[in-house]
Amino acid sequence: IAVAIIRDGIYWEEDFESIRLVFLVSPSQFSNEGLSDITRVIVALTEQKEQKEKLIACKDFDDFKSIFLQEI
């Protein structure tokens, strides 16, 4: 999984004019154990305004990982 935090946001389309978090999930063609769990966490975090803002404000990967893992 790759994560981009875009502090000033990026235009995606009319309904999403300031995207600030981008998750790139690259499933395997052989095994995807845990993929649905990770997807569930990503959705849960991005639907909670306070959690989403915490992720955007992270200064490093350790902070990001700590917030992310609290949802699991």
PDB file of N, CA and C in Angstrom:
ATOM      1  N   ILE A   1       0.853  -1.172   0.000  1.00  0.00           N
ATOM      2  CA  ILE A   1       0.000   0.000   0.000  1.00  0.00           C
ATOM      3  C   ILE A   1       0.895   1.229   0.000  1.00  0.00           C
ATOM      4  N   ALA A   2       0.605   2.143  -0.888  1.00  0.00           N
ATOM      5  CA  ALA A   2       1.285   3.440  -0.910  1.00  0.00           C
ATOM      6  C   ALA A   2       0.276   4.484  -0.456  1.00  0.00           C
ATOM      7  N   VAL A   3       0.761   5.463   0.272  1.00  0.00           N
ATOM      8  CA  VAL A   3      -0.103   6.528   0.776  1.00  0.00           C
ATOM      9  C   VAL A   3       0.515   7.862   0.402  1.00  0.00           C
ATOM     10  N   ALA A   4      -0.307   8.747  -0.131  1.00  0.00           N
ATOM     11  CA  ALA A   4       0.133  10.116  -0.409  1.00  0.00           C
ATOM     12  C   ALA A   4      -0.707  11.063   0.438  1.00  0.00           C
ATOM     13  N   ILE A   5      -0.025  11.974   1.120  1.00  0.00           N
ATOM     14  CA  ILE A   5      -0.711  13.030   1.857  1.00  0.00           C
ATOM     15  C   ILE A   5      -0.416  14.322   1.113  1.00  0.00           C
ATOM     16  N   ILE A   6      -1.458  14.927   0.584  1.00  0.00           N
ATOM     17  CA  ILE A   6      -1.324  16.139  -0.220  1.00  0.00           C
ATOM     18  C   ILE A   6      -1.850  17.299   0.621  1.00  0.00           C
ATOM     19  N   ARG A   7      -0.954  17.994   1.275  1.00  0.00           N
ATOM     20  CA  ARG A   7      -1.315  19.007   2.276  1.00  0.00           C
ATOM     21  C   ARG A   7      -2.272  20.065   1.738  1.00  0.00           C
ATOM     22  N   ASP A   8      -2.044  20.546   0.515  1.00  0.00           N
ATOM     23  CA  ASP A   8      -2.898  21.591  -0.053  1.00  0.00           C
ATOM     24  C   ASP A   8      -4.047  21.030  -0.885  1.00  0.00           C
ATOM     25  N   GLY A   9      -4.107  19.727  -1.014  1.00  0.00           N
ATOM     26  CA  GLY A   9      -5.175  19.085  -1.786  1.00  0.00           C
ATOM     27  C   GLY A   9      -4.895  19.125  -3.280  1.00  0.00           C
ATOM     28  N   ILE A  10      -5.572  18.249  -3.981  1.00  0.00           N
ATOM     29  CA  ILE A  10      -5.456  18.171  -5.439  1.00  0.00           C
ATOM     30  C   ILE A  10      -6.858  17.982  -6.014  1.00  0.00           C
ATOM     31  N   TYR A  11      -7.120  18.642  -7.120  1.00  0.00           N
ATOM     32  CA  TYR A  11      -8.415  18.523  -7.786  1.00  0.00           C
ATOM     33  C   TYR A  11      -8.546  17.134  -8.388  1.00  0.00           C
ATOM     34  N   TRP A  12      -9.655  16.452  -8.083  1.00  0.00           N
ATOM     35  CA  TRP A  12      -9.902  15.119  -8.632  1.00  0.00           C
ATOM     36  C   TRP A  12     -10.999  15.198  -9.684  1.00  0.00           C
ATOM     37  N   GLU A  13     -12.116  15.779  -9.275  1.00  0.00           N
ATOM     38  CA  GLU A  13     -13.241  16.021 -10.166  1.00  0.00           C
ATOM     39  C   GLU A  13     -14.177  16.988  -9.460  1.00  0.00           C
ATOM     40  N   GLU A  14     -15.257  17.362 -10.106  1.00  0.00           N
ATOM     41  CA  GLU A  14     -16.148  18.396  -9.579  1.00  0.00           C
ATOM     42  C   GLU A  14     -16.608  18.138  -8.144  1.00  0.00           C
ATOM     43  N   ASP A  15     -16.964  16.924  -7.820  1.00  0.00           N
ATOM     44  CA  ASP A  15     -17.443  16.618  -6.466  1.00  0.00           C
ATOM     45  C   ASP A  15     -16.317  16.413  -5.465  1.00  0.00           C
ATOM     46  N   PHE A  16     -15.098  16.291  -5.944  1.00  0.00           N
ATOM     47  CA  PHE A  16     -13.937  16.070  -5.086  1.00  0.00           C
ATOM     48  C   PHE A  16     -12.828  17.038  -5.507  1.00  0.00           C
ATOM     49  N   GLU A  17     -12.957  18.276  -5.067  1.00  0.00           N
ATOM     50  CA  GLU A  17     -12.059  19.322  -5.544  1.00  0.00           C
ATOM     51  C   GLU A  17     -10.779  19.464  -4.731  1.00  0.00           C
ATOM     52  N   SER A  18     -10.705  18.811  -3.583  1.00  0.00           N
ATOM     53  CA  SER A  18      -9.510  18.959  -2.760  1.00  0.00           C
ATOM     54  C   SER A  18      -9.177  17.637  -2.051  1.00  0.00           C
ATOM     55  N   ILE A  19      -8.723  16.678  -2.818  1.00  0.00           N
ATOM     56  CA  ILE A  19      -8.338  15.376  -2.267  1.00  0.00           C
ATOM     57  C   ILE A  19      -7.017  15.544  -1.533  1.00  0.00           C
ATOM     58  N   ARG A  20      -6.979  15.060  -0.290  1.00  0.00           N
ATOM     59  CA  ARG A  20      -5.766  15.223   0.507  1.00  0.00           C
ATOM     60  C   ARG A  20      -5.122  13.896   0.888  1.00  0.00           C
ATOM     61  N   LEU A  21      -5.869  12.803   0.806  1.00  0.00           N
ATOM     62  CA  LEU A  21      -5.313  11.473   1.081  1.00  0.00           C
ATOM     63  C   LEU A  21      -5.557  10.572  -0.124  1.00  0.00           C
ATOM     64  N   VAL A  22      -4.500   9.913  -0.561  1.00  0.00           N
ATOM     65  CA  VAL A  22      -4.620   8.956  -1.662  1.00  0.00           C
ATOM     66  C   VAL A  22      -3.978   7.646  -1.198  1.00  0.00           C
ATOM     67  N   PHE A  23      -4.743   6.570  -1.287  1.00  0.00           N
ATOM     68  CA  PHE A  23      -4.247   5.236  -0.946  1.00  0.00           C
ATOM     69  C   PHE A  23      -4.162   4.424  -2.233  1.00  0.00           C
ATOM     70  N   LEU A  24      -3.017   3.852  -2.495  1.00  0.00           N
ATOM     71  CA  LEU A  24      -2.839   2.979  -3.655  1.00  0.00           C
ATOM     72  C   LEU A  24      -2.643   1.564  -3.136  1.00  0.00           C
ATOM     73  N   VAL A  25      -3.655   0.741  -3.336  1.00  0.00           N
ATOM     74  CA  VAL A  25      -3.613  -0.651  -2.881  1.00  0.00           C
ATOM     75  C   VAL A  25      -3.279  -1.509  -4.094  1.00  0.00           C
ATOM     76  N   SER A  26      -2.264  -2.330  -3.965  1.00  0.00           N
ATOM     77  CA  SER A  26      -1.817  -3.162  -5.070  1.00  0.00           C
ATOM     78  C   SER A  26      -1.994  -4.634  -4.704  1.00  0.00           C
ATOM     79  N   PRO A  27      -3.159  -5.185  -5.004  1.00  0.00           N
ATOM     80  CA  PRO A  27      -3.402  -6.588  -4.649  1.00  0.00           C
ATOM     81  C   PRO A  27      -2.540  -7.541  -5.477  1.00  0.00           C
ATOM     82  N   SER A  28      -2.301  -8.680  -4.897  1.00  0.00           N
ATOM     83  CA  SER A  28      -1.531  -9.725  -5.556  1.00  0.00           C
ATOM     84  C   SER A  28      -2.460 -10.553  -6.444  1.00  0.00           C
ATOM     85  N   GLN A  29      -1.908 -11.118  -7.486  1.00  0.00           N
ATOM     86  CA  GLN A  29      -2.710 -12.013  -8.312  1.00  0.00           C
ATOM     87  C   GLN A  29      -2.792 -13.408  -7.699  1.00  0.00           C
ATOM     88  N   PHE A  30      -2.013 -13.653  -6.634  1.00  0.00           N
ATOM     89  CA  PHE A  30      -1.978 -14.978  -6.033  1.00  0.00           C
ATOM     90  C   PHE A  30      -2.689 -15.049  -4.678  1.00  0.00           C
ATOM     91  N   SER A  31      -2.420 -14.096  -3.816  1.00  0.00           N
ATOM     92  CA  SER A  31      -2.986 -14.150  -2.475  1.00  0.00           C
ATOM     93  C   SER A  31      -3.227 -12.739  -1.965  1.00  0.00           C
ATOM     94  N   ASN A  32      -4.389 -12.528  -1.346  1.00  0.00           N
ATOM     95  CA  ASN A  32      -4.734 -11.202  -0.844  1.00  0.00           C
ATOM     96  C   ASN A  32      -5.257 -11.288   0.579  1.00  0.00           C
ATOM     97  N   GLU A  33      -4.624 -12.129   1.359  1.00  0.00           N
ATOM     98  CA  GLU A  33      -5.019 -12.288   2.751  1.00  0.00           C
ATOM     99  C   GLU A  33      -4.946 -10.940   3.467  1.00  0.00           C
ATOM    100  N   GLY A  34      -6.019 -10.564   4.120  1.00  0.00           N
ATOM    101  CA  GLY A  34      -6.059  -9.318   4.880  1.00  0.00           C
ATOM    102  C   GLY A  34      -6.446  -8.096   4.069  1.00  0.00           C
ATOM    103  N   LEU A  35      -6.573  -8.233   2.753  1.00  0.00           N
ATOM    104  CA  LEU A  35      -6.886  -7.083   1.907  1.00  0.00           C
ATOM    105  C   LEU A  35      -8.231  -6.455   2.274  1.00  0.00           C
ATOM    106  N   SER A  36      -9.232  -7.272   2.535  1.00  0.00           N
ATOM    107  CA  SER A  36     -10.548  -6.713   2.885  1.00  0.00           C
ATOM    108  C   SER A  36     -10.494  -5.989   4.229  1.00  0.00           C
ATOM    109  N   ASP A  37      -9.666  -6.483   5.158  1.00  0.00           N
ATOM    110  CA  ASP A  37      -9.506  -5.812   6.452  1.00  0.00           C
ATOM    111  C   ASP A  37      -8.859  -4.443   6.276  1.00  0.00           C
ATOM    112  N   ILE A  38      -7.828  -4.382   5.473  1.00  0.00           N
ATOM    113  CA  ILE A  38      -7.141  -3.108   5.220  1.00  0.00           C
ATOM    114  C   ILE A  38      -8.083  -2.133   4.530  1.00  0.00           C
ATOM    115  N   THR A  39      -8.826  -2.609   3.564  1.00  0.00           N
ATOM    116  CA  THR A  39      -9.779  -1.749   2.863  1.00  0.00           C
ATOM    117  C   THR A  39     -10.825  -1.209   3.825  1.00  0.00           C
ATOM    118  N   ARG A  40     -11.304  -2.051   4.724  1.00  0.00           N
ATOM    119  CA  ARG A  40     -12.285  -1.624   5.718  1.00  0.00           C
ATOM    120  C   ARG A  40     -11.723  -0.508   6.598  1.00  0.00           C
ATOM    121  N   VAL A  41     -10.471  -0.653   7.015  1.00  0.00           N
ATOM    122  CA  VAL A  41      -9.833   0.364   7.866  1.00  0.00           C
ATOM    123  C   VAL A  41      -9.665   1.681   7.106  1.00  0.00           C
ATOM    124  N   ILE A  42      -9.232   1.602   5.865  1.00  0.00           N
ATOM    125  CA  ILE A  42      -9.067   2.818   5.058  1.00  0.00           C
ATOM    126  C   ILE A  42     -10.393   3.556   4.949  1.00  0.00           C
ATOM    127  N   VAL A  43     -11.449   2.846   4.637  1.00  0.00           N
ATOM    128  CA  VAL A  43     -12.771   3.474   4.504  1.00  0.00           C
ATOM    129  C   VAL A  43     -13.220   4.065   5.838  1.00  0.00           C
ATOM    130  N   ALA A  44     -13.061   3.320   6.914  1.00  0.00           N
ATOM    131  CA  ALA A  44     -13.475   3.807   8.235  1.00  0.00           C
ATOM    132  C   ALA A  44     -12.730   5.082   8.607  1.00  0.00           C
ATOM    133  N   LEU A  45     -11.433   5.103   8.376  1.00  0.00           N
ATOM    134  CA  LEU A  45     -10.642   6.282   8.723  1.00  0.00           C
ATOM    135  C   LEU A  45     -11.010   7.495   7.889  1.00  0.00           C
ATOM    136  N   THR A  46     -11.215   7.298   6.620  1.00  0.00           N
ATOM    137  CA  THR A  46     -11.493   8.447   5.754  1.00  0.00           C
ATOM    138  C   THR A  46     -12.918   8.961   5.890  1.00  0.00           C
ATOM    139  N   GLU A  47     -13.790   8.190   6.497  1.00  0.00           N
ATOM    140  CA  GLU A  47     -15.161   8.658   6.725  1.00  0.00           C
ATOM    141  C   GLU A  47     -15.308   9.391   8.062  1.00  0.00           C
ATOM    142  N   GLN A  48     -14.273   9.368   8.888  1.00  0.00           N
ATOM    143  CA  GLN A  48     -14.289  10.058  10.178  1.00  0.00           C
ATOM    144  C   GLN A  48     -13.441  11.321  10.058  1.00  0.00           C
ATOM    145  N   LYS A  49     -14.097  12.478  10.087  1.00  0.00           N
ATOM    146  CA  LYS A  49     -13.397  13.740   9.857  1.00  0.00           C
ATOM    147  C   LYS A  49     -12.201  13.924  10.796  1.00  0.00           C
ATOM    148  N   GLU A  50     -12.382  13.652  12.085  1.00  0.00           N
ATOM    149  CA  GLU A  50     -11.294  13.855  13.047  1.00  0.00           C
ATOM    150  C   GLU A  50     -10.111  12.942  12.757  1.00  0.00           C
ATOM    151  N   GLN A  51     -10.386  11.678  12.459  1.00  0.00           N
ATOM    152  CA  GLN A  51      -9.308  10.731  12.158  1.00  0.00           C
ATOM    153  C   GLN A  51      -8.602  11.106  10.853  1.00  0.00           C
ATOM    154  N   LYS A  52      -9.391  11.504   9.872  1.00  0.00           N
ATOM    155  CA  LYS A  52      -8.816  11.896   8.583  1.00  0.00           C
ATOM    156  C   LYS A  52      -7.874  13.090   8.775  1.00  0.00           C
ATOM    157  N   GLU A  53      -8.280  14.068   9.560  1.00  0.00           N
ATOM    158  CA  GLU A  53      -7.437  15.238   9.815  1.00  0.00           C
ATOM    159  C   GLU A  53      -6.156  14.843  10.555  1.00  0.00           C
ATOM    160  N   LYS A  54      -6.266  13.882  11.462  1.00  0.00           N
ATOM    161  CA  LYS A  54      -5.064  13.394  12.159  1.00  0.00           C
ATOM    162  C   LYS A  54      -4.089  12.763  11.172  1.00  0.00           C
ATOM    163  N   LEU A  55      -4.609  11.972  10.238  1.00  0.00           N
ATOM    164  CA  LEU A  55      -3.741  11.347   9.239  1.00  0.00           C
ATOM    165  C   LEU A  55      -3.052  12.395   8.378  1.00  0.00           C
ATOM    166  N   ILE A  56      -3.801  13.396   7.966  1.00  0.00           N
ATOM    167  CA  ILE A  56      -3.244  14.454   7.113  1.00  0.00           C
ATOM    168  C   ILE A  56      -2.163  15.236   7.856  1.00  0.00           C
ATOM    169  N   ALA A  57      -2.323  15.404   9.161  1.00  0.00           N
ATOM    170  CA  ALA A  57      -1.376  16.187   9.960  1.00  0.00           C
ATOM    171  C   ALA A  57      -0.122  15.413  10.362  1.00  0.00           C
ATOM    172  N   CYS A  58      -0.057  14.134  10.070  1.00  0.00           N
ATOM    173  CA  CYS A  58       1.101  13.327  10.469  1.00  0.00           C
ATOM    174  C   CYS A  58       2.398  13.906   9.912  1.00  0.00           C
ATOM    175  N   LYS A  59       3.426  13.865  10.754  1.00  0.00           N
ATOM    176  CA  LYS A  59       4.744  14.370  10.353  1.00  0.00           C
ATOM    177  C   LYS A  59       5.637  13.267   9.790  1.00  0.00           C
ATOM    178  N   ASP A  60       5.323  12.008  10.138  1.00  0.00           N
ATOM    179  CA  ASP A  60       6.145  10.913   9.644  1.00  0.00           C
ATOM    180  C   ASP A  60       5.317   9.625   9.587  1.00  0.00           C
ATOM    181  N   PHE A  61       5.928   8.586   9.029  1.00  0.00           N
ATOM    182  CA  PHE A  61       5.227   7.324   8.837  1.00  0.00           C
ATOM    183  C   PHE A  61       4.848   6.661  10.152  1.00  0.00           C
ATOM    184  N   ASP A  62       5.698   6.787  11.170  1.00  0.00           N
ATOM    185  CA  ASP A  62       5.387   6.166  12.469  1.00  0.00           C
ATOM    186  C   ASP A  62       4.100   6.724  13.054  1.00  0.00           C
ATOM    187  N   ASP A  63       3.906   8.040  12.952  1.00  0.00           N
ATOM    188  CA  ASP A  63       2.657   8.648  13.432  1.00  0.00           C
ATOM    189  C   ASP A  63       1.468   8.129  12.628  1.00  0.00           C
ATOM    190  N   PHE A  64       1.628   8.091  11.305  1.00  0.00           N
ATOM    191  CA  PHE A  64       0.567   7.610  10.426  1.00  0.00           C
ATOM    192  C   PHE A  64       0.205   6.174  10.779  1.00  0.00           C
ATOM    193  N   LYS A  65       1.211   5.334  10.923  1.00  0.00           N
ATOM    194  CA  LYS A  65       0.999   3.925  11.225  1.00  0.00           C
ATOM    195  C   LYS A  65       0.281   3.748  12.568  1.00  0.00           C
ATOM    196  N   SER A  66       0.656   4.537  13.549  1.00  0.00           N
ATOM    197  CA  SER A  66       0.037   4.452  14.863  1.00  0.00           C
ATOM    198  C   SER A  66      -1.467   4.750  14.795  1.00  0.00           C
ATOM    199  N   ILE A  67      -1.839   5.802  14.089  1.00  0.00           N
ATOM    200  CA  ILE A  67      -3.258   6.147  13.936  1.00  0.00           C
ATOM    201  C   ILE A  67      -3.979   5.068  13.144  1.00  0.00           C
ATOM    202  N   PHE A  68      -3.358   4.622  12.072  1.00  0.00           N
ATOM    203  CA  PHE A  68      -3.958   3.602  11.212  1.00  0.00           C
ATOM    204  C   PHE A  68      -4.217   2.311  11.989  1.00  0.00           C
ATOM    205  N   LEU A  69      -3.237   1.873  12.760  1.00  0.00           N
ATOM    206  CA  LEU A  69      -3.353   0.610  13.474  1.00  0.00           C
ATOM    207  C   LEU A  69      -4.356   0.664  14.629  1.00  0.00           C
ATOM    208  N   GLN A  70      -4.683   1.829  15.123  1.00  0.00           N
ATOM    209  CA  GLN A  70      -5.692   1.952  16.171  1.00  0.00           C
ATOM    210  C   GLN A  70      -7.060   1.500  15.677  1.00  0.00           C
ATOM    211  N   GLU A  71      -7.283   1.545  14.381  1.00  0.00           N
ATOM    212  CA  GLU A  71      -8.571   1.164  13.807  1.00  0.00           C
ATOM    213  C   GLU A  71      -8.719  -0.336  13.634  1.00  0.00           C
ATOM    214  N   ILE A  72      -7.620  -1.061  13.684  1.00  0.00           N
ATOM    215  CA  ILE A  72      -7.676  -2.505  13.413  1.00  0.00           C
ATOM    216  C   ILE A  72      -8.147  -3.246  14.647  1.00  0.00           C
TER     217      ILE A  72
END
